[in-house]
C-alpha atoms as a PDB file:
ATOM      1  CA  MET A   1      -5.397  26.043 -16.392  1.00  0.00           C
ATOM      2  CA  THR A   2      -8.150  25.623 -13.836  1.00  0.00           C
ATOM      3  CA  ASN A   3      -7.869  27.436 -10.518  1.00  0.00           C
ATOM      4  CA  LEU A   4      -8.392  24.073  -8.823  1.00  0.00           C
ATOM      5  CA  ARG A   5      -4.729  23.441  -9.423  1.00  0.00           C
ATOM      6  CA  PHE A   6      -3.714  26.299  -7.135  1.00  0.00           C
ATOM      7  CA  ALA A   7      -6.364  26.713  -4.503  1.00  0.00           C
ATOM      8  CA  CYS A   8      -8.767  24.576  -2.533  1.00  0.00           C
ATOM      9  CA  VAL A   9     -12.314  25.383  -3.538  1.00  0.00           C
ATOM     10  CA  VAL A  10     -14.142  22.423  -2.066  1.00  0.00           C
ATOM     11  CA  THR A  11     -15.723  22.674   1.367  1.00  0.00           C
ATOM     12  CA  HIS A  12     -16.266  19.464   3.302  1.00  0.00           C
ATOM     13  CA  HIS A  13     -19.784  18.782   4.555  1.00  0.00           C
ATOM     14  CA  ARG A  14     -19.618  15.744   6.782  1.00  0.00           C
ATOM     15  CA  ASN A  15     -23.170  14.654   6.085  1.00  0.00           C
ATOM     16  CA  SER A  16     -23.346  15.437   2.366  1.00  0.00           C
ATOM     17  CA  ILE A  17     -23.435  12.917  -0.462  1.00  0.00           C
ATOM     18  CA  ASN A  18     -20.664  14.787  -2.282  1.00  0.00           C
ATOM     19  CA  PHE A  19     -18.332  12.094  -3.619  1.00  0.00           C
ATOM     20  CA  ALA A  20     -15.343  14.471  -3.584  1.00  0.00           C
ATOM     21  CA  THR A  21     -15.427  14.577   0.278  1.00  0.00           C
ATOM     22  CA  ALA A  22     -12.821  16.219   2.454  1.00  0.00           C
ATOM     23  CA  THR A  23      -9.942  14.445   0.733  1.00  0.00           C
ATOM     24  CA  PHE A  24     -10.168  16.838  -2.192  1.00  0.00           C
ATOM     25  CA  PHE A  25      -8.408  19.509  -0.147  1.00  0.00           C
ATOM     26  CA  LEU A  26      -5.225  17.465  -0.388  1.00  0.00           C
ATOM     27  CA  ILE A  27      -4.565  18.966  -3.812  1.00  0.00           C
ATOM     28  CA  CYS A  28      -4.146  22.344  -2.200  1.00  0.00           C
ATOM     29  CA  GLY A  29      -0.525  23.261  -1.740  1.00  0.00           C
ATOM     30  CA  LEU A  30       0.704  19.952  -3.154  1.00  0.00           C
ATOM     31  CA  LEU A  31       0.377  21.275  -6.659  1.00  0.00           C
ATOM     32  CA  ALA A  32       0.992  24.909  -5.783  1.00  0.00           C
ATOM     33  CA  SER A  33       4.348  24.144  -4.185  1.00  0.00           C
ATOM     34  CA  ALA A  34       5.832  22.607  -7.315  1.00  0.00           C
ATOM     35  CA  ASN A  35       6.028  23.295 -10.997  1.00  0.00           C
ATOM     36  CA  ALA A  36       2.413  23.200 -12.163  1.00  0.00           C
ATOM     37  CA  ALA A  37       3.503  21.583 -15.439  1.00  0.00           C
ATOM     38  CA  ASP A  38       5.016  18.521 -13.744  1.00  0.00           C
ATOM     39  CA  PRO A  39       3.239  15.247 -14.508  1.00  0.00           C
ATOM     40  CA  TYR A  40       1.740  13.504 -11.501  1.00  0.00           C
ATOM     41  CA  ILE A  41      -0.191  10.563 -10.115  1.00  0.00           C
ATOM     42  CA  VAL A  42      -3.511  11.148  -8.335  1.00  0.00           C
ATOM     43  CA  VAL A  43      -5.265   8.542  -6.209  1.00  0.00           C
ATOM     44  CA  LEU A  44      -8.924   8.227  -7.218  1.00  0.00           C
ATOM     45  CA  GLY A  45      -9.879   5.349  -4.953  1.00  0.00           C
ATOM     46  CA  ILE A  46      -8.437   3.125  -2.224  1.00  0.00           C
ATOM     47  CA  ALA A  47     -11.085   0.475  -1.475  1.00  0.00           C
ATOM     48  CA  GLN A  48     -11.274  -3.178  -2.487  1.00  0.00           C
ATOM     49  CA  ASP A  49     -13.470  -4.158  -5.478  1.00  0.00           C
ATOM     50  CA  GLY A  50     -16.770  -3.873  -3.553  1.00  0.00           C
ATOM     51  CA  GLY A  51     -16.090  -0.291  -2.410  1.00  0.00           C
ATOM     52  CA  TYR A  52     -16.925   1.211   0.940  1.00  0.00           C
ATOM     53  CA  PRO A  53     -19.673   0.861   2.102  1.00  0.00           C
ATOM     54  CA  HIS A  54     -19.882  -2.679   0.784  1.00  0.00           C
ATOM     55  CA  ALA A  55     -23.085  -4.223  -0.616  1.00  0.00           C
ATOM     56  CA  GLY A  56     -24.957  -6.314   1.944  1.00  0.00           C
ATOM     57  CA  CYS A  57     -22.779  -5.358   4.894  1.00  0.00           C
ATOM     58  CA  GLN A  58     -24.754  -4.572   8.040  1.00  0.00           C
ATOM     59  CA  LYS A  59     -21.770  -4.424  10.335  1.00  0.00           C
ATOM     60  CA  GLU A  60     -20.436  -1.385  12.168  1.00  0.00           C
ATOM     61  CA  CYS A  61     -17.949  -0.669   9.377  1.00  0.00           C
ATOM     62  CA  CYS A  62     -20.629   0.026   6.752  1.00  0.00           C
ATOM     63  CA  ALA A  63     -24.044   0.460   8.379  1.00  0.00           C
ATOM     64  CA  PRO A  64     -23.553   4.125   9.414  1.00  0.00           C
ATOM     65  CA  LEU A  65     -22.517   5.015   5.883  1.00  0.00           C
ATOM     66  CA  PHE A  66     -25.613   3.428   4.385  1.00  0.00           C
ATOM     67  CA  GLU A  67     -27.782   5.249   6.904  1.00  0.00           C
ATOM     68  CA  SER A  68     -26.202   8.622   6.133  1.00  0.00           C
ATOM     69  CA  ARG A  69     -25.934   7.911   2.370  1.00  0.00           C
ATOM     70  CA  ARG A  70     -22.247   8.746   2.456  1.00  0.00           C
ATOM     71  CA  THR A  71     -19.393   7.161   0.512  1.00  0.00           C
ATOM     72  CA  GLY A  72     -16.477   6.161   2.678  1.00  0.00           C
ATOM     73  CA  ALA A  73     -14.039   5.294  -0.111  1.00  0.00           C
ATOM     74  CA  MET A  74     -14.129   4.524  -3.811  1.00  0.00           C
ATOM     75  CA  VAL A  75     -12.600   1.473  -5.465  1.00  0.00           C
ATOM     76  CA  SER A  76      -8.824   1.332  -5.973  1.00  0.00           C
ATOM     77  CA  CYS A  77      -7.748   3.479  -8.910  1.00  0.00           C
ATOM     78  CA  LEU A  78      -4.919   5.797  -9.936  1.00  0.00           C
ATOM     79  CA  ALA A  79      -4.777   8.382 -12.696  1.00  0.00           C
ATOM     80  CA  ILE A  80      -1.701   9.710 -14.511  1.00  0.00           C
ATOM     81  CA  VAL A  81      -1.891  13.358 -15.519  1.00  0.00           C
ATOM     82  CA  ASP A  82       0.384  15.467 -17.663  1.00  0.00           C
ATOM     83  CA  PRO A  83      -0.844  19.069 -17.297  1.00  0.00           C
ATOM     84  CA  ASP A  84       1.618  20.272 -19.903  1.00  0.00           C
ATOM     85  CA  THR A  85      -0.012  18.210 -22.639  1.00  0.00           C
ATOM     86  CA  HIS A  86      -3.445  17.965 -20.940  1.00  0.00           C
ATOM     87  CA  GLN A  87      -3.308  14.152 -21.138  1.00  0.00           C
ATOM     88  CA  ARG A  88      -4.918  11.798 -18.614  1.00  0.00           C
ATOM     89  CA  TRP A  89      -4.645   8.018 -18.247  1.00  0.00           C
ATOM     90  CA  ILE A  90      -6.453   5.791 -15.747  1.00  0.00           C
ATOM     91  CA  LEU A  91      -5.083   2.659 -14.080  1.00  0.00           C
ATOM     92  CA  ASP A  92      -8.059   0.298 -13.654  1.00  0.00           C
ATOM     93  CA  CYS A  93     -11.647   1.098 -14.593  1.00  0.00           C
ATOM     94  CA  THR A  94     -13.739   0.587 -11.467  1.00  0.00           C
ATOM     95  CA  PRO A  95     -17.436   0.527 -10.614  1.00  0.00           C
ATOM     96  CA  ASN A  96     -16.890   4.111  -9.409  1.00  0.00           C
ATOM     97  CA  PHE A  97     -15.769   5.224 -12.895  1.00  0.00           C
ATOM     98  CA  PRO A  98     -18.457   7.974 -13.177  1.00  0.00           C
ATOM     99  CA  GLN A  99     -17.425   9.659  -9.952  1.00  0.00           C
ATOM    100  CA  GLN A 100     -13.710   9.146 -10.567  1.00  0.00           C
ATOM    101  CA  LEU A 101     -13.928  10.584 -14.082  1.00  0.00           C
ATOM    102  CA  ALA A 102     -15.748  13.607 -12.641  1.00  0.00           C
ATOM    103  CA  LEU A 103     -12.998  14.139 -10.052  1.00  0.00           C
ATOM    104  CA  LEU A 104     -10.361  13.822 -12.747  1.00  0.00           C
ATOM    105  CA  ASN A 105     -12.208  16.345 -14.914  1.00  0.00           C
ATOM    106  CA  LYS A 106     -12.243  18.823 -12.000  1.00  0.00           C
ATOM    107  CA  LEU A 107      -8.564  18.346 -11.406  1.00  0.00           C
ATOM    108  CA  GLU A 108      -7.446  18.412 -15.047  1.00  0.00           C
ATOM    109  CA  PRO A 109     -10.388  19.325 -17.314  1.00  0.00           C
ATOM    110  CA  LYS A 110     -10.910  17.419 -20.523  1.00  0.00           C
ATOM    111  CA  VAL A 111      -9.722  19.410 -23.532  1.00  0.00           C
ATOM    112  CA  GLU A 112     -12.636  20.569 -25.676  1.00  0.00           C
ATOM    113  CA  GLY A 113     -12.912  18.186 -28.582  1.00  0.00           C
ATOM    114  CA  GLY A 114     -10.273  15.948 -27.054  1.00  0.00           C
ATOM    115  CA  PRO A 115     -10.551  12.310 -25.942  1.00  0.00           C
ATOM    116  CA  LEU A 116     -12.536  11.218 -22.914  1.00  0.00           C
ATOM    117  CA  VAL A 117      -9.250   9.950 -21.487  1.00  0.00           C
ATOM    118  CA  ASP A 118      -6.014   9.185 -23.320  1.00  0.00           C
ATOM    119  CA  GLY A 119      -5.985   5.589 -22.215  1.00  0.00           C
ATOM    120  CA  ILE A 120      -7.092   3.017 -19.639  1.00  0.00           C
ATOM    121  CA  PHE A 121      -4.696   0.358 -18.336  1.00  0.00           C
ATOM    122  CA  LEU A 122      -6.264  -2.722 -16.754  1.00  0.00           C
ATOM    123  CA  THR A 123      -4.563  -4.923 -14.160  1.00  0.00           C
ATOM    124  CA  HIS A 124      -6.902  -7.946 -14.427  1.00  0.00           C
ATOM    125  CA  ALA A 125     -10.411  -9.328 -14.812  1.00  0.00           C
ATOM    126  CA  HIS A 126     -11.800  -9.071 -11.280  1.00  0.00           C
ATOM    127  CA  ILE A 127     -14.899  -6.911 -11.147  1.00  0.00           C
ATOM    128  CA  GLY A 128     -13.450  -3.909  -9.284  1.00  0.00           C
ATOM    129  CA  HIS A 129     -10.723  -3.465 -11.863  1.00  0.00           C
ATOM    130  CA  TYR A 130     -12.530  -3.459 -15.220  1.00  0.00           C
ATOM    131  CA  SER A 131     -16.328  -3.371 -14.790  1.00  0.00           C
ATOM    132  CA  GLY A 132     -16.433   0.422 -15.086  1.00  0.00           C
ATOM    133  CA  LEU A 133     -15.903  -0.080 -18.811  1.00  0.00           C
ATOM    134  CA  ILE A 134     -19.669  -0.614 -19.033  1.00  0.00           C
ATOM    135  CA  HIS A 135     -20.115   3.158 -18.801  1.00  0.00           C
ATOM    136  CA  LEU A 136     -18.259   3.620 -22.090  1.00  0.00           C
ATOM    137  CA  GLY A 137     -21.027   1.765 -23.994  1.00  0.00           C
ATOM    138  CA  ARG A 138     -23.899   3.249 -25.969  1.00  0.00           C
ATOM    139  CA  GLU A 139     -26.274   2.992 -22.983  1.00  0.00           C
ATOM    140  CA  VAL A 140     -24.198   5.623 -21.166  1.00  0.00           C
ATOM    141  CA  ILE A 141     -21.323   7.655 -22.695  1.00  0.00           C
ATOM    142  CA  GLY A 142     -21.186   6.056 -26.123  1.00  0.00           C
ATOM    143  CA  ALA A 143     -17.442   6.664 -26.155  1.00  0.00           C
ATOM    144  CA  LYS A 144     -15.383   6.768 -29.341  1.00  0.00           C
ATOM    145  CA  SER A 145     -12.312   4.548 -29.564  1.00  0.00           C
ATOM    146  CA  VAL A 146     -11.005   4.854 -25.996  1.00  0.00           C
ATOM    147  CA  PRO A 147      -7.640   2.996 -25.907  1.00  0.00           C
ATOM    148  CA  VAL A 148      -7.815   0.168 -23.365  1.00  0.00           C
ATOM    149  CA  HIS A 149      -4.443  -1.436 -22.724  1.00  0.00           C
ATOM    150  CA  VAL A 150      -4.595  -5.112 -21.811  1.00  0.00           C
ATOM    151  CA  MET A 151      -2.515  -8.235 -21.481  1.00  0.00           C
ATOM    152  CA  PRO A 152      -3.203 -11.167 -23.905  1.00  0.00           C
ATOM    153  CA  ARG A 153      -5.699 -13.129 -21.777  1.00  0.00           C
ATOM    154  CA  MET A 154      -7.486  -9.971 -20.716  1.00  0.00           C
ATOM    155  CA  LYS A 155      -7.799  -9.004 -24.381  1.00  0.00           C
ATOM    156  CA  GLU A 156      -9.317 -12.367 -25.250  1.00  0.00           C
ATOM    157  CA  PHE A 157     -11.711 -12.136 -22.291  1.00  0.00           C
ATOM    158  CA  LEU A 158     -13.053  -8.733 -23.420  1.00  0.00           C
ATOM    159  CA  LYS A 159     -13.332  -9.786 -27.072  1.00  0.00           C
ATOM    160  CA  THR A 160     -15.240 -13.015 -26.414  1.00  0.00           C
ATOM    161  CA  ASN A 161     -17.568 -12.234 -23.494  1.00  0.00           C
ATOM    162  CA  GLY A 162     -20.630 -10.021 -23.414  1.00  0.00           C
ATOM    163  CA  PRO A 163     -21.299  -7.250 -22.784  1.00  0.00           C
ATOM    164  CA  TRP A 164     -17.642  -6.327 -23.207  1.00  0.00           C
ATOM    165  CA  ASP A 165     -17.425  -7.678 -26.758  1.00  0.00           C
ATOM    166  CA  GLN A 166     -20.059  -5.137 -27.762  1.00  0.00           C
ATOM    167  CA  LEU A 167     -17.781  -2.311 -26.590  1.00  0.00           C
ATOM    168  CA  VAL A 168     -15.129  -3.763 -28.911  1.00  0.00           C
ATOM    169  CA  HIS A 169     -17.504  -4.340 -31.822  1.00  0.00           C
ATOM    170  CA  LEU A 170     -18.993  -0.822 -31.632  1.00  0.00           C
ATOM    171  CA  GLU A 171     -15.504   0.640 -31.188  1.00  0.00           C
ATOM    172  CA  ASN A 172     -16.396   2.308 -27.903  1.00  0.00           C
ATOM    173  CA  ILE A 173     -13.036   0.919 -26.879  1.00  0.00           C
ATOM    174  CA  VAL A 174      -9.971  -0.092 -28.879  1.00  0.00           C
ATOM    175  CA  LEU A 175      -7.888  -2.839 -27.277  1.00  0.00           C
ATOM    176  CA  GLN A 176      -4.167  -2.153 -27.158  1.00  0.00           C
ATOM    177  CA  ASP A 177      -1.680  -4.960 -26.551  1.00  0.00           C
ATOM    178  CA  LEU A 178       0.373  -5.013 -23.350  1.00  0.00           C
ATOM    179  CA  GLN A 179       3.304  -7.345 -22.843  1.00  0.00           C
ATOM    180  CA  GLU A 180       5.087  -8.228 -19.622  1.00  0.00           C
ATOM    181  CA  ASP A 181       8.111  -5.987 -18.895  1.00  0.00           C
ATOM    182  CA  GLN A 182       7.609  -4.066 -22.142  1.00  0.00           C
ATOM    183  CA  VAL A 183       7.957  -0.276 -21.785  1.00  0.00           C
ATOM    184  CA  VAL A 184       4.971   1.731 -23.106  1.00  0.00           C
ATOM    185  CA  LYS A 185       5.803   5.317 -23.908  1.00  0.00           C
ATOM    186  CA  LEU A 186       2.778   7.394 -22.911  1.00  0.00           C
ATOM    187  CA  ASN A 187       4.402  10.599 -24.162  1.00  0.00           C
ATOM    188  CA  ASP A 188       7.844  12.230 -24.189  1.00  0.00           C
ATOM    189  CA  ARG A 189       7.869  12.452 -20.366  1.00  0.00           C
ATOM    190  CA  ILE A 190       6.063   9.394 -19.040  1.00  0.00           C
ATOM    191  CA  GLU A 191       6.581   5.668 -19.436  1.00  0.00           C
ATOM    192  CA  LEU A 192       4.689   2.651 -18.079  1.00  0.00           C
ATOM    193  CA  MET A 193       5.602  -0.993 -17.733  1.00  0.00           C
ATOM    194  CA  ALA A 194       3.374  -3.972 -16.842  1.00  0.00           C
ATOM    195  CA  ILE A 195       4.724  -6.458 -14.288  1.00  0.00           C
ATOM    196  CA  THR A 196       3.020  -9.851 -14.003  1.00  0.00           C
ATOM    197  CA  VAL A 197       2.111 -10.865 -10.428  1.00  0.00           C
ATOM    198  CA  PRO A 198       0.646 -14.102  -8.967  1.00  0.00           C
ATOM    199  CA  HIS A 199      -3.081 -13.898  -8.265  1.00  0.00           C
ATOM    200  CA  ARG A 200      -6.326 -15.827  -8.799  1.00  0.00           C
ATOM    201  CA  ASP A 201      -6.263 -15.710 -12.592  1.00  0.00           C
ATOM    202  CA  GLU A 202      -9.628 -17.246 -13.430  1.00  0.00           C
ATOM    203  CA  TYR A 203     -10.234 -15.036 -16.478  1.00  0.00           C
ATOM    204  CA  SER A 204      -6.996 -13.178 -17.146  1.00  0.00           C
ATOM    205  CA  GLU A 205      -3.465 -12.771 -16.001  1.00  0.00           C
ATOM    206  CA  THR A 206      -2.775 -10.111 -13.324  1.00  0.00           C
ATOM    207  CA  VAL A 207      -0.296  -7.288 -13.574  1.00  0.00           C
ATOM    208  CA  GLY A 208       0.930  -4.317 -11.590  1.00  0.00           C
ATOM    209  CA  PHE A 209       2.368  -1.194 -13.172  1.00  0.00           C
ATOM    210  CA  ARG A 210       5.534   0.826 -12.836  1.00  0.00           C
ATOM    211  CA  VAL A 211       5.086   4.405 -14.006  1.00  0.00           C
ATOM    212  CA  THR A 212       8.155   6.568 -14.635  1.00  0.00           C
ATOM    213  CA  GLY A 213       8.183  10.347 -15.075  1.00  0.00           C
ATOM    214  CA  PRO A 214      10.932  12.918 -15.563  1.00  0.00           C
ATOM    215  CA  GLN A 215      11.985  12.906 -11.890  1.00  0.00           C
ATOM    216  CA  ARG A 216      10.332  10.024 -10.041  1.00  0.00           C
ATOM    217  CA  SER A 217       8.528   6.732 -10.470  1.00  0.00           C
ATOM    218  CA  ILE A 218       5.806   4.740  -8.743  1.00  0.00           C
ATOM    219  CA  LEU A 219       4.813   1.123  -8.338  1.00  0.00           C
ATOM    220  CA  PHE A 220       1.113   0.113  -8.388  1.00  0.00           C
ATOM    221  CA  ILE A 221       0.256  -3.436  -7.233  1.00  0.00           C
ATOM    222  CA  PRO A 222      -3.322  -3.382  -5.944  1.00  0.00           C
ATOM    223  CA  ASP A 223      -3.896  -7.140  -6.128  1.00  0.00           C
ATOM    224  CA  ILE A 224      -1.464  -9.980  -5.477  1.00  0.00           C
ATOM    225  CA  ASP A 225      -1.254 -13.270  -3.644  1.00  0.00           C
ATOM    226  CA  LYS A 226       1.259 -13.679  -0.783  1.00  0.00           C
ATOM    227  CA  TRP A 227       4.574 -11.972  -1.464  1.00  0.00           C
ATOM    228  CA  GLU A 228       6.297 -15.348  -1.048  1.00  0.00           C
ATOM    229  CA  LYS A 229       4.449 -16.698  -4.105  1.00  0.00           C
ATOM    230  CA  TRP A 230       6.179 -14.199  -6.364  1.00  0.00           C
ATOM    231  CA  ASN A 231       9.470 -14.909  -8.046  1.00  0.00           C
ATOM    232  CA  LEU A 232      10.465 -11.262  -7.623  1.00  0.00           C
ATOM    233  CA  PRO A 233      11.434  -9.784  -4.243  1.00  0.00           C
ATOM    234  CA  ILE A 234       9.017  -6.913  -3.561  1.00  0.00           C
ATOM    235  CA  GLU A 235      11.664  -5.151  -1.469  1.00  0.00           C
ATOM    236  CA  ALA A 236      13.896  -4.794  -4.541  1.00  0.00           C
ATOM    237  CA  LEU A 237      11.069  -3.227  -6.569  1.00  0.00           C
ATOM    238  CA  VAL A 238      10.164  -0.827  -3.759  1.00  0.00           C
ATOM    239  CA  LYS A 239      13.771   0.354  -3.638  1.00  0.00           C
ATOM    240  CA  LYS A 240      13.698   1.243  -7.330  1.00  0.00           C
ATOM    241  CA  VAL A 241      10.778   3.697  -7.043  1.00  0.00           C
ATOM    242  CA  GLU A 242       9.904   6.758  -5.001  1.00  0.00           C
ATOM    243  CA  ARG A 243       6.342   5.704  -4.158  1.00  0.00           C
ATOM    244  CA  SER A 244       4.700   2.272  -3.917  1.00  0.00           C
ATOM    245  CA  TYR A 245       0.929   1.620  -3.840  1.00  0.00           C
ATOM    246  CA  LEU A 246       0.660  -1.938  -2.585  1.00  0.00           C
ATOM    247  CA  ASP A 247      -2.069  -4.479  -1.846  1.00  0.00           C
ATOM    248  CA  GLY A 248      -3.469  -3.786   1.609  1.00  0.00           C
ATOM    249  CA  THR A 249      -6.752  -5.706   1.272  1.00  0.00           C
ATOM    250  CA  PHE A 250      -6.780  -7.144   4.776  1.00  0.00           C
ATOM    251  CA  PHE A 251      -5.015  -5.946   7.912  1.00  0.00           C
ATOM    252  CA  SER A 252      -5.212  -9.352   9.624  1.00  0.00           C
ATOM    253  CA  GLY A 253      -6.893 -12.730   9.304  1.00  0.00           C
ATOM    254  CA  ALA A 254      -9.322 -11.811  12.091  1.00  0.00           C
ATOM    255  CA  GLU A 255     -11.435  -9.737   9.667  1.00  0.00           C
ATOM    256  CA  LEU A 256     -13.098 -12.705   7.971  1.00  0.00           C
ATOM    257  CA  PRO A 257     -13.693 -15.396  10.624  1.00  0.00           C
ATOM    258  CA  ASN A 258     -16.066 -17.345   8.379  1.00  0.00           C
ATOM    259  CA  ARG A 259     -13.922 -17.392   5.234  1.00  0.00           C
ATOM    260  CA  SER A 260     -10.818 -19.332   4.348  1.00  0.00           C
ATOM    261  CA  LEU A 261      -7.961 -16.945   3.613  1.00  0.00           C
ATOM    262  CA  ALA A 262      -6.522 -19.686   1.390  1.00  0.00           C
ATOM    263  CA  GLU A 263      -9.248 -18.690  -1.098  1.00  0.00           C
ATOM    264  CA  ILE A 264      -8.252 -15.003  -0.954  1.00  0.00           C
ATOM    265  CA  PRO A 265      -4.508 -15.129  -0.121  1.00  0.00           C
ATOM    266  CA  HIS A 266      -3.665 -11.457  -0.179  1.00  0.00           C
ATOM    267  CA  PRO A 267      -0.596 -10.419   1.825  1.00  0.00           C
ATOM    268  CA  LEU A 268      -1.953  -9.188   5.160  1.00  0.00           C
ATOM    269  CA  ILE A 269      -0.793  -5.686   6.093  1.00  0.00           C
ATOM    270  CA  GLN A 270       0.601  -7.179   9.292  1.00  0.00           C
ATOM    271  CA  GLU A 271       2.734  -9.490   7.157  1.00  0.00           C
ATOM    272  CA  SER A 272       3.808  -6.693   4.812  1.00  0.00           C
ATOM    273  CA  ILE A 273       4.893  -4.511   7.734  1.00  0.00           C
ATOM    274  CA  GLN A 274       7.063  -7.335   9.063  1.00  0.00           C
ATOM    275  CA  LYS A 275       8.608  -7.717   5.602  1.00  0.00           C
ATOM    276  CA  PHE A 276       9.309  -4.006   5.157  1.00  0.00           C
ATOM    277  CA  ILE A 277      10.077  -2.926   8.739  1.00  0.00           C
ATOM    278  CA  LYS A 278      13.833  -3.437   8.393  1.00  0.00           C
ATOM    279  CA  MET A 279      14.065  -1.241   5.290  1.00  0.00           C
ATOM    280  CA  PRO A 280      15.527   2.299   5.608  1.00  0.00           C
ATOM    281  CA  GLU A 281      13.090   4.912   6.836  1.00  0.00           C
ATOM    282  CA  LYS A 282      12.926   6.627   3.434  1.00  0.00           C
ATOM    283  CA  MET A 283      11.851   3.388   1.786  1.00  0.00           C
ATOM    284  CA  ARG A 284       9.236   2.661   4.437  1.00  0.00           C
ATOM    285  CA  HIS A 285       7.772   6.165   4.006  1.00  0.00           C
ATOM    286  CA  SER A 286       7.342   5.440   0.299  1.00  0.00           C
ATOM    287  CA  ILE A 287       4.952   2.516   0.957  1.00  0.00           C
ATOM    288  CA  HIS A 288       1.253   3.336   0.744  1.00  0.00           C
ATOM    289  CA  PHE A 289      -1.334   0.564   1.162  1.00  0.00           C
ATOM    290  CA  ILE A 290      -4.271   0.564  -1.253  1.00  0.00           C
ATOM    291  CA  HIS A 291      -7.206  -1.731  -2.190  1.00  0.00           C
ATOM    292  CA  LEU A 292      -8.447  -2.003   1.427  1.00  0.00           C
ATOM    293  CA  ASN A 293     -11.463  -4.222   2.094  1.00  0.00           C
ATOM    294  CA  HIS A 294     -14.435  -2.692   3.932  1.00  0.00           C
ATOM    295  CA  THR A 295     -13.613  -4.945   6.925  1.00  0.00           C
ATOM    296  CA  ASN A 296     -10.095  -3.544   7.187  1.00  0.00           C
ATOM    297  CA  PRO A 297      -9.961  -1.197  10.211  1.00  0.00           C
ATOM    298  CA  ALA A 298      -7.061   0.677   8.593  1.00  0.00           C
ATOM    299  CA  LEU A 299      -9.519   2.023   6.062  1.00  0.00           C
ATOM    300  CA  ARG A 300     -10.826   4.328   8.761  1.00  0.00           C
ATOM    301  CA  ARG A 301      -8.861   7.210  10.253  1.00  0.00           C
ATOM    302  CA  GLY A 302      -7.889   7.132  13.908  1.00  0.00           C
ATOM    303  CA  THR A 303      -8.105   3.361  14.332  1.00  0.00           C
ATOM    304  CA  THR A 304      -5.454   1.397  16.211  1.00  0.00           C
ATOM    305  CA  GLU A 305      -4.566  -0.387  12.974  1.00  0.00           C
ATOM    306  CA  ARG A 306      -4.083   2.858  11.026  1.00  0.00           C
ATOM    307  CA  LYS A 307      -1.850   4.188  13.800  1.00  0.00           C
ATOM    308  CA  PHE A 308       0.116   0.922  13.840  1.00  0.00           C
ATOM    309  CA  ILE A 309       0.879   1.365  10.128  1.00  0.00           C
ATOM    310  CA  GLN A 310       1.984   4.963  10.672  1.00  0.00           C
ATOM    311  CA  ARG A 311       4.248   4.036  13.582  1.00  0.00           C
ATOM    312  CA  ALA A 312       5.928   1.518  11.293  1.00  0.00           C
ATOM    313  CA  GLY A 313       6.714   4.410   8.958  1.00  0.00           C
ATOM    314  CA  MET A 314       4.185   3.452   6.267  1.00  0.00           C
ATOM    315  CA  ARG A 315       0.863   4.925   5.154  1.00  0.00           C
ATOM    316  CA  VAL A 316      -2.599   4.154   3.836  1.00  0.00           C
ATOM    317  CA  ALA A 317      -3.176   5.881   0.470  1.00  0.00           C
ATOM    318  CA  ARG A 318      -5.653   8.784   0.512  1.00  0.00           C
ATOM    319  CA  GLU A 319      -8.130   9.734  -2.195  1.00  0.00           C
ATOM    320  CA  MET A 320      -7.099  12.789  -4.200  1.00  0.00           C
ATOM    321  CA  GLU A 321      -3.524  12.466  -2.921  1.00  0.00           C
ATOM    322  CA  ILE A 322      -1.058  13.872  -5.473  1.00  0.00           C
ATOM    323  CA  PHE A 323       2.411  12.525  -6.207  1.00  0.00           C
ATOM    324  CA  LYS A 324       4.665  14.319  -8.670  1.00  0.00           C
ATOM    325  CA  LEU A 325       6.509  12.184 -11.186  1.00  0.00           C
END
């Protein structure tokens, strides 16, 4: 087992291009304090589809990062790791797939002769959630039969649209069927279930995932329309798990003065806080916002908005954050 699981070996250089950044130190102690064989979730990215910095943005949120050639945050992604069996699964395949795979390989190295990853689970067909698949093709990795788990419309989209159909034809990926509310047994210790959520479903349906381990479970819903549009009460789902990673795309409507939020009706963090604020403290502490847009001030540490979330008893997810299952 790599020493990275027990000690922090990465030094943060504020002006470096190193994609690991200071957040990598979060693995120190978190893994050392518990059974090293416990399966866990690791956060590999927290930004909205366009990442941070965001292409074309010349505002204060992104301009300094472009000038310093630094990455502020990678696109929203979780990985599931079972160190006992050396298996790794990824939830969403983002444009930052090369960097995220490298981080995963440092944390839990790929077994020699083993698969690239043991599976990829896709939430939907918006670019930040599946476009990293391109790196599995013959122009890059030339992967062999990577299992990609998809809902029916997502499967049809990948099979009938280029360049994704080439990945299927060349068997770089093998599409595996997902069904709503059907339990998928990843191994003897970990299960996953897809939960359909309302969203802009131009090319595919949209799902979140519930992942259950031997001790604890998590909820991952990076993209959804307003909570009120869902036929399930989000509060009830949050109560059933020990950690929730929820859509935090925008903090407030003030971020996009020139766009209609009716076209991108994510639940604002302000709205989510009002919905969750009456929940018991333990439940509020379990809520971690993810998939933050580059305009979202809560994406940056020390902002008034980040502090507001913390005072409400909730958190913004952090890259390389570990949560034992």
